[in-house]
Amino acid sequence: NPEETAEEESWDYVQFQLRCCGWNSPQDW
């Protein structure tokens, strides 16, 4: 849903700051 991106942007910020990808691994994506 392109209109609702708050959670996505927050999670992208977490990934960027913690230098990680996905919850368990990049395979999650």
ModelCIF file with pLDDT and N, C-alpha, C, O atoms, coordinates in Angstrom:
data_MODEL
#
_entry.id   MODEL 
#
_entity.id                         1 
_entity.type                       polymer 
_entity.pdbx_number_of_molecules   1 
#
_entity_poly.entity_id                      1 
_entity_poly.type                           'polypeptide(L)' 
_entity_poly.nstd_linkage                   no 
_entity_poly.nstd_monomer                   no 
_entity_poly.pdbx_seq_one_letter_code       NPEETAEEESWDYVQFQLRCCGWNSPQDW 
_entity_poly.pdbx_seq_one_letter_code_can   NPEETAEEESWDYVQFQLRCCGWNSPQDW 
_entity_poly.pdbx_strand_id                 A 
#
loop_
_entity_poly_seq.entity_id 
_entity_poly_seq.num 
_entity_poly_seq.mon_id 
_entity_poly_seq.hetero 
1 1  ASN n 
1 2  PRO n 
1 3  GLU n 
1 4  GLU n 
1 5  THR n 
1 6  ALA n 
1 7  GLU n 
1 8  GLU n 
1 9  GLU n 
1 10 SER n 
1 11 TRP n 
1 12 ASP n 
1 13 TYR n 
1 14 VAL n 
1 15 GLN n 
1 16 PHE n 
1 17 GLN n 
1 18 LEU n 
1 19 ARG n 
1 20 CYS n 
1 21 CYS n 
1 22 GLY n 
1 23 TRP n 
1 24 ASN n 
1 25 SER n 
1 26 PRO n 
1 27 GLN n 
1 28 ASP n 
1 29 TRP n 
#
_struct_asym.id          A 
_struct_asym.entity_id   1 
#
loop_
_ma_qa_metric.id 
_ma_qa_metric.mode 
_ma_qa_metric.name 
_ma_qa_metric.software_group_id 
_ma_qa_metric.type 
1 global pLDDT . pLDDT 
2 local  pLDDT . pLDDT 
#
_ma_qa_metric_global.metric_id      1 
_ma_qa_metric_global.metric_value   83.55 
_ma_qa_metric_global.model_id       1 
_ma_qa_metric_global.ordinal_id     1 
#
loop_
_ma_qa_metric_local.label_asym_id 
_ma_qa_metric_local.label_comp_id 
_ma_qa_metric_local.label_seq_id 
_ma_qa_metric_local.metric_id 
_ma_qa_metric_local.metric_value 
_ma_qa_metric_local.model_id 
_ma_qa_metric_local.ordinal_id 
A ASN 1  2 76.00 1 1  
A PRO 2  2 69.00 1 2  
A GLU 3  2 68.00 1 3  
A GLU 4  2 67.00 1 4  
A THR 5  2 71.00 1 5  
A ALA 6  2 73.00 1 6  
A GLU 7  2 80.00 1 7  
A GLU 8  2 83.00 1 8  
A GLU 9  2 81.00 1 9  
A SER 10 2 82.00 1 10 
A TRP 11 2 87.00 1 11 
A ASP 12 2 86.00 1 12 
A TYR 13 2 83.00 1 13 
A VAL 14 2 87.00 1 14 
A GLN 15 2 88.00 1 15 
A PHE 16 2 85.00 1 16 
A GLN 17 2 85.00 1 17 
A LEU 18 2 89.00 1 18 
A ARG 19 2 90.00 1 19 
A CYS 20 2 91.00 1 20 
A CYS 21 2 91.00 1 21 
A GLY 22 2 90.00 1 22 
A TRP 23 2 92.00 1 23 
A ASN 24 2 91.00 1 24 
A SER 25 2 89.00 1 25 
A PRO 26 2 87.00 1 26 
A GLN 27 2 87.00 1 27 
A ASP 28 2 88.00 1 28 
A TRP 29 2 87.00 1 29 
#
loop_
_atom_site.group_PDB 
_atom_site.id 
_atom_site.type_symbol 
_atom_site.label_atom_id 
_atom_site.label_alt_id 
_atom_site.label_comp_id 
_atom_site.label_asym_id 
_atom_site.label_entity_id 
_atom_site.label_seq_id 
_atom_site.pdbx_PDB_ins_code 
_atom_site.Cartn_x 
_atom_site.Cartn_y 
_atom_site.Cartn_z 
_atom_site.occupancy 
_atom_site.B_iso_or_equiv 
_atom_site.pdbx_formal_charge 
_atom_site.auth_seq_id 
_atom_site.auth_comp_id 
_atom_site.auth_asym_id 
_atom_site.auth_atom_id 
_atom_site.pdbx_PDB_model_num 
ATOM 1   N N  . ASN A 1 1  ? 0.855  -1.188  0.000  1.00 76.00 ? 1  ASN A N  1 
ATOM 2   C CA . ASN A 1 1  ? 0.000  0.000   0.000  1.00 76.00 ? 1  ASN A CA 1 
ATOM 3   C C  . ASN A 1 1  ? 0.888  1.235   0.000  1.00 76.00 ? 1  ASN A C  1 
ATOM 4   O O  . ASN A 1 1  ? 1.434  1.597   1.042  1.00 76.00 ? 1  ASN A O  1 
ATOM 5   N N  . PRO A 1 2  ? 1.046  1.893   -1.154 1.00 69.00 ? 2  PRO A N  1 
ATOM 6   C CA . PRO A 1 2  ? 1.952  3.058   -1.239 1.00 69.00 ? 2  PRO A CA 1 
ATOM 7   C C  . PRO A 1 2  ? 1.546  4.215   -0.340 1.00 69.00 ? 2  PRO A C  1 
ATOM 8   O O  . PRO A 1 2  ? 2.373  5.077   -0.044 1.00 69.00 ? 2  PRO A O  1 
ATOM 9   N N  . GLU A 1 3  ? 0.282  4.255   0.106  1.00 68.00 ? 3  GLU A N  1 
ATOM 10  C CA . GLU A 1 3  ? -0.174 5.363   0.931  1.00 68.00 ? 3  GLU A CA 1 
ATOM 11  C C  . GLU A 1 3  ? 0.213  5.197   2.403  1.00 68.00 ? 3  GLU A C  1 
ATOM 12  O O  . GLU A 1 3  ? 0.226  6.173   3.153  1.00 68.00 ? 3  GLU A O  1 
ATOM 13  N N  . GLU A 1 4  ? 0.528  3.964   2.821  1.00 67.00 ? 4  GLU A N  1 
ATOM 14  C CA . GLU A 1 4  ? 0.861  3.704   4.217  1.00 67.00 ? 4  GLU A CA 1 
ATOM 15  C C  . GLU A 1 4  ? 2.294  3.174   4.292  1.00 67.00 ? 4  GLU A C  1 
ATOM 16  O O  . GLU A 1 4  ? 2.546  1.982   4.117  1.00 67.00 ? 4  GLU A O  1 
ATOM 17  N N  . THR A 1 5  ? 3.213  4.085   4.556  1.00 71.00 ? 5  THR A N  1 
ATOM 18  C CA . THR A 1 5  ? 4.631  3.714   4.528  1.00 71.00 ? 5  THR A CA 1 
ATOM 19  C C  . THR A 1 5  ? 5.349  3.997   5.849  1.00 71.00 ? 5  THR A C  1 
ATOM 20  O O  . THR A 1 5  ? 6.568  3.841   5.924  1.00 71.00 ? 5  THR A O  1 
ATOM 21  N N  . ALA A 1 6  ? 4.622  4.411   6.892  1.00 73.00 ? 6  ALA A N  1 
ATOM 22  C CA . ALA A 1 6  ? 5.282  4.791   8.148  1.00 73.00 ? 6  ALA A CA 1 
ATOM 23  C C  . ALA A 1 6  ? 6.038  3.613   8.757  1.00 73.00 ? 6  ALA A C  1 
ATOM 24  O O  . ALA A 1 6  ? 7.189  3.759   9.171  1.00 73.00 ? 6  ALA A O  1 
ATOM 25  N N  . GLU A 1 7  ? 5.389  2.436   8.813  1.00 80.00 ? 7  GLU A N  1 
ATOM 26  C CA . GLU A 1 7  ? 6.043  1.268   9.398  1.00 80.00 ? 7  GLU A CA 1 
ATOM 27  C C  . GLU A 1 7  ? 7.231  0.831   8.544  1.00 80.00 ? 7  GLU A C  1 
ATOM 28  O O  . GLU A 1 7  ? 8.270  0.436   9.072  1.00 80.00 ? 7  GLU A O  1 
ATOM 29  N N  . GLU A 1 8  ? 7.072  0.905   7.217  1.00 83.00 ? 8  GLU A N  1 
ATOM 30  C CA . GLU A 1 8  ? 8.159  0.505   6.321  1.00 83.00 ? 8  GLU A CA 1 
ATOM 31  C C  . GLU A 1 8  ? 9.358  1.431   6.476  1.00 83.00 ? 8  GLU A C  1 
ATOM 32  O O  . GLU A 1 8  ? 10.499 0.972   6.533  1.00 83.00 ? 8  GLU A O  1 
ATOM 33  N N  . GLU A 1 9  ? 9.104  2.723   6.545  1.00 81.00 ? 9  GLU A N  1 
ATOM 34  C CA . GLU A 1 9  ? 10.201 3.684   6.691  1.00 81.00 ? 9  GLU A CA 1 
ATOM 35  C C  . GLU A 1 9  ? 10.898 3.509   8.036  1.00 81.00 ? 9  GLU A C  1 
ATOM 36  O O  . GLU A 1 9  ? 12.119 3.634   8.128  1.00 81.00 ? 9  GLU A O  1 
ATOM 37  N N  . SER A 1 10 ? 10.118 3.220   9.081  1.00 82.00 ? 10 SER A N  1 
ATOM 38  C CA . SER A 1 10 ? 10.713 3.003   10.396 1.00 82.00 ? 10 SER A CA 1 
ATOM 39  C C  . SER A 1 10 ? 11.595 1.755   10.394 1.00 82.00 ? 10 SER A C  1 
ATOM 40  O O  . SER A 1 10 ? 12.676 1.751   10.981 1.00 82.00 ? 10 SER A O  1 
ATOM 41  N N  . TRP A 1 11 ? 11.130 0.704   9.734  1.00 87.00 ? 11 TRP A N  1 
ATOM 42  C CA . TRP A 1 11 ? 11.929 -0.530  9.680  1.00 87.00 ? 11 TRP A CA 1 
ATOM 43  C C  . TRP A 1 11 ? 13.172 -0.336  8.816  1.00 87.00 ? 11 TRP A C  1 
ATOM 44  O O  . TRP A 1 11 ? 14.234 -0.874  9.130  1.00 87.00 ? 11 TRP A O  1 
ATOM 45  N N  . ASP A 1 12 ? 13.050 0.423   7.737  1.00 86.00 ? 12 ASP A N  1 
ATOM 46  C CA . ASP A 1 12 ? 14.232 0.737   6.924  1.00 86.00 ? 12 ASP A CA 1 
ATOM 47  C C  . ASP A 1 12 ? 15.260 1.508   7.743  1.00 86.00 ? 12 ASP A C  1 
ATOM 48  O O  . ASP A 1 12 ? 16.465 1.300   7.604  1.00 86.00 ? 12 ASP A O  1 
ATOM 49  N N  . TYR A 1 13 ? 14.766 2.399   8.598  1.00 83.00 ? 13 TYR A N  1 
ATOM 50  C CA . TYR A 1 13 ? 15.674 3.168   9.450  1.00 83.00 ? 13 TYR A CA 1 
ATOM 51  C C  . TYR A 1 13 ? 16.402 2.248   10.432 1.00 83.00 ? 13 TYR A C  1 
ATOM 52  O O  . TYR A 1 13 ? 17.593 2.426   10.688 1.00 83.00 ? 13 TYR A O  1 
ATOM 53  N N  . VAL A 1 14 ? 15.677 1.260   10.984 1.00 87.00 ? 14 VAL A N  1 
ATOM 54  C CA . VAL A 1 14 ? 16.295 0.287   11.897 1.00 87.00 ? 14 VAL A CA 1 
ATOM 55  C C  . VAL A 1 14 ? 17.367 -0.518  11.168 1.00 87.00 ? 14 VAL A C  1 
ATOM 56  O O  . VAL A 1 14 ? 18.461 -0.717  11.694 1.00 87.00 ? 14 VAL A O  1 
ATOM 57  N N  . GLN A 1 15 ? 17.052 -0.982  9.954  1.00 88.00 ? 15 GLN A N  1 
ATOM 58  C CA . GLN A 1 15 ? 18.026 -1.762  9.178  1.00 88.00 ? 15 GLN A CA 1 
ATOM 59  C C  . GLN A 1 15 ? 19.271 -0.944  8.869  1.00 88.00 ? 15 GLN A C  1 
ATOM 60  O O  . GLN A 1 15 ? 20.391 -1.447  8.943  1.00 88.00 ? 15 GLN A O  1 
ATOM 61  N N  . PHE A 1 16 ? 19.064 0.321   8.522  1.00 85.00 ? 16 PHE A N  1 
ATOM 62  C CA . PHE A 1 16 ? 20.189 1.186   8.184  1.00 85.00 ? 16 PHE A CA 1 
ATOM 63  C C  . PHE A 1 16 ? 21.076 1.436   9.400  1.00 85.00 ? 16 PHE A C  1 
ATOM 64  O O  . PHE A 1 16 ? 22.302 1.382   9.299  1.00 85.00 ? 16 PHE A O  1 
ATOM 65  N N  . GLN A 1 17 ? 20.456 1.710   10.553 1.00 85.00 ? 17 GLN A N  1 
ATOM 66  C CA . GLN A 1 17 ? 21.224 2.044   11.751 1.00 85.00 ? 17 GLN A CA 1 
ATOM 67  C C  . GLN A 1 17 ? 21.925 0.823   12.342 1.00 85.00 ? 17 GLN A C  1 
ATOM 68  O O  . GLN A 1 17 ? 23.074 0.921   12.774 1.00 85.00 ? 17 GLN A O  1 
ATOM 69  N N  . LEU A 1 18 ? 21.247 -0.325  12.366 1.00 89.00 ? 18 LEU A N  1 
ATOM 70  C CA . LEU A 1 18 ? 21.834 -1.535  12.952 1.00 89.00 ? 18 LEU A CA 1 
ATOM 71  C C  . LEU A 1 18 ? 22.676 -2.318  11.952 1.00 89.00 ? 18 LEU A C  1 
ATOM 72  O O  . LEU A 1 18 ? 23.324 -3.298  12.318 1.00 89.00 ? 18 LEU A O  1 
ATOM 73  N N  . ARG A 1 19 ? 22.671 -1.886  10.683 1.00 90.00 ? 19 ARG A N  1 
ATOM 74  C CA . ARG A 1 19 ? 23.431 -2.565  9.624  1.00 90.00 ? 19 ARG A CA 1 
ATOM 75  C C  . ARG A 1 19 ? 23.040 -4.041  9.543  1.00 90.00 ? 19 ARG A C  1 
ATOM 76  O O  . ARG A 1 19 ? 23.871 -4.942  9.659  1.00 90.00 ? 19 ARG A O  1 
ATOM 77  N N  . CYS A 1 20 ? 21.746 -4.244  9.341  1.00 91.00 ? 20 CYS A N  1 
ATOM 78  C CA . CYS A 1 20 ? 21.210 -5.602  9.254  1.00 91.00 ? 20 CYS A CA 1 
ATOM 79  C C  . CYS A 1 20 ? 20.183 -5.643  8.135  1.00 91.00 ? 20 CYS A C  1 
ATOM 80  O O  . CYS A 1 20 ? 19.845 -4.615  7.549  1.00 91.00 ? 20 CYS A O  1 
ATOM 81  N N  . CYS A 1 21 ? 19.691 -6.842  7.845  1.00 91.00 ? 21 CYS A N  1 
ATOM 82  C CA . CYS A 1 21 ? 18.730 -6.996  6.739  1.00 91.00 ? 21 CYS A CA 1 
ATOM 83  C C  . CYS A 1 21 ? 17.745 -8.099  7.084  1.00 91.00 ? 21 CYS A C  1 
ATOM 84  O O  . CYS A 1 21 ? 18.140 -9.238  7.333  1.00 91.00 ? 21 CYS A O  1 
ATOM 85  N N  . GLY A 1 22 ? 16.464 -7.760  7.099  1.00 90.00 ? 22 GLY A N  1 
ATOM 86  C CA . GLY A 1 22 ? 15.445 -8.732  7.469  1.00 90.00 ? 22 GLY A CA 1 
ATOM 87  C C  . GLY A 1 22 ? 15.415 -8.956  8.972  1.00 90.00 ? 22 GLY A C  1 
ATOM 88  O O  . GLY A 1 22 ? 16.181 -8.344  9.717  1.00 90.00 ? 22 GLY A O  1 
ATOM 89  N N  . TRP A 1 23 ? 14.520 -9.842  9.413  1.00 92.00 ? 23 TRP A N  1 
ATOM 90  C CA . TRP A 1 23 ? 14.461 -10.160 10.838 1.00 92.00 ? 23 TRP A CA 1 
ATOM 91  C C  . TRP A 1 23 ? 15.457 -11.269 11.190 1.00 92.00 ? 23 TRP A C  1 
ATOM 92  O O  . TRP A 1 23 ? 16.289 -11.113 12.084 1.00 92.00 ? 23 TRP A O  1 
ATOM 93  N N  . ASN A 1 24 ? 15.355 -12.395 10.466 1.00 91.00 ? 24 ASN A N  1 
ATOM 94  C CA . ASN A 1 24 ? 16.294 -13.493 10.701 1.00 91.00 ? 24 ASN A CA 1 
ATOM 95  C C  . ASN A 1 24 ? 17.522 -13.393 9.803  1.00 91.00 ? 24 ASN A C  1 
ATOM 96  O O  . ASN A 1 24 ? 18.646 -13.648 10.236 1.00 91.00 ? 24 ASN A O  1 
ATOM 97  N N  . SER A 1 25 ? 17.289 -13.014 8.534  1.00 89.00 ? 25 SER A N  1 
ATOM 98  C CA . SER A 1 25 ? 18.367 -12.904 7.556  1.00 89.00 ? 25 SER A CA 1 
ATOM 99  C C  . SER A 1 25 ? 17.815 -12.186 6.328  1.00 89.00 ? 25 SER A C  1 
ATOM 100 O O  . SER A 1 25 ? 16.611 -11.940 6.258  1.00 89.00 ? 25 SER A O  1 
ATOM 101 N N  . PRO A 1 26 ? 18.672 -11.842 5.353  1.00 87.00 ? 26 PRO A N  1 
ATOM 102 C CA . PRO A 1 26 ? 18.165 -11.216 4.116  1.00 87.00 ? 26 PRO A CA 1 
ATOM 103 C C  . PRO A 1 26 ? 17.196 -12.103 3.345  1.00 87.00 ? 26 PRO A C  1 
ATOM 104 O O  . PRO A 1 26 ? 16.451 -11.612 2.497  1.00 87.00 ? 26 PRO A O  1 
ATOM 105 N N  . GLN A 1 27 ? 17.196 -13.412 3.630  1.00 87.00 ? 27 GLN A N  1 
ATOM 106 C CA . GLN A 1 27 ? 16.283 -14.317 2.950  1.00 87.00 ? 27 GLN A CA 1 
ATOM 107 C C  . GLN A 1 27 ? 14.814 -13.982 3.225  1.00 87.00 ? 27 GLN A C  1 
ATOM 108 O O  . GLN A 1 27 ? 13.930 -14.368 2.460  1.00 87.00 ? 27 GLN A O  1 
ATOM 109 N N  . ASP A 1 28 ? 14.562 -13.261 4.322  1.00 88.00 ? 28 ASP A N  1 
ATOM 110 C CA . ASP A 1 28 ? 13.180 -12.889 4.644  1.00 88.00 ? 28 ASP A CA 1 
ATOM 111 C C  . ASP A 1 28 ? 12.544 -12.053 3.543  1.00 88.00 ? 28 ASP A C  1 
ATOM 112 O O  . ASP A 1 28 ? 11.327 -12.089 3.362  1.00 88.00 ? 28 ASP A O  1 
ATOM 113 N N  . TRP A 1 29 ? 13.364 -11.294 2.800  1.00 87.00 ? 29 TRP A N  1 
ATOM 114 C CA . TRP A 1 29 ? 12.844 -10.407 1.762  1.00 87.00 ? 29 TRP A CA 1 
ATOM 115 C C  . TRP A 1 29 ? 12.575 -11.135 0.454  1.00 87.00 ? 29 TRP A C  1 
ATOM 116 O O  . TRP A 1 29 ? 12.135 -10.519 -0.516 1.00 87.00 ? 29 TRP A O  1 
#
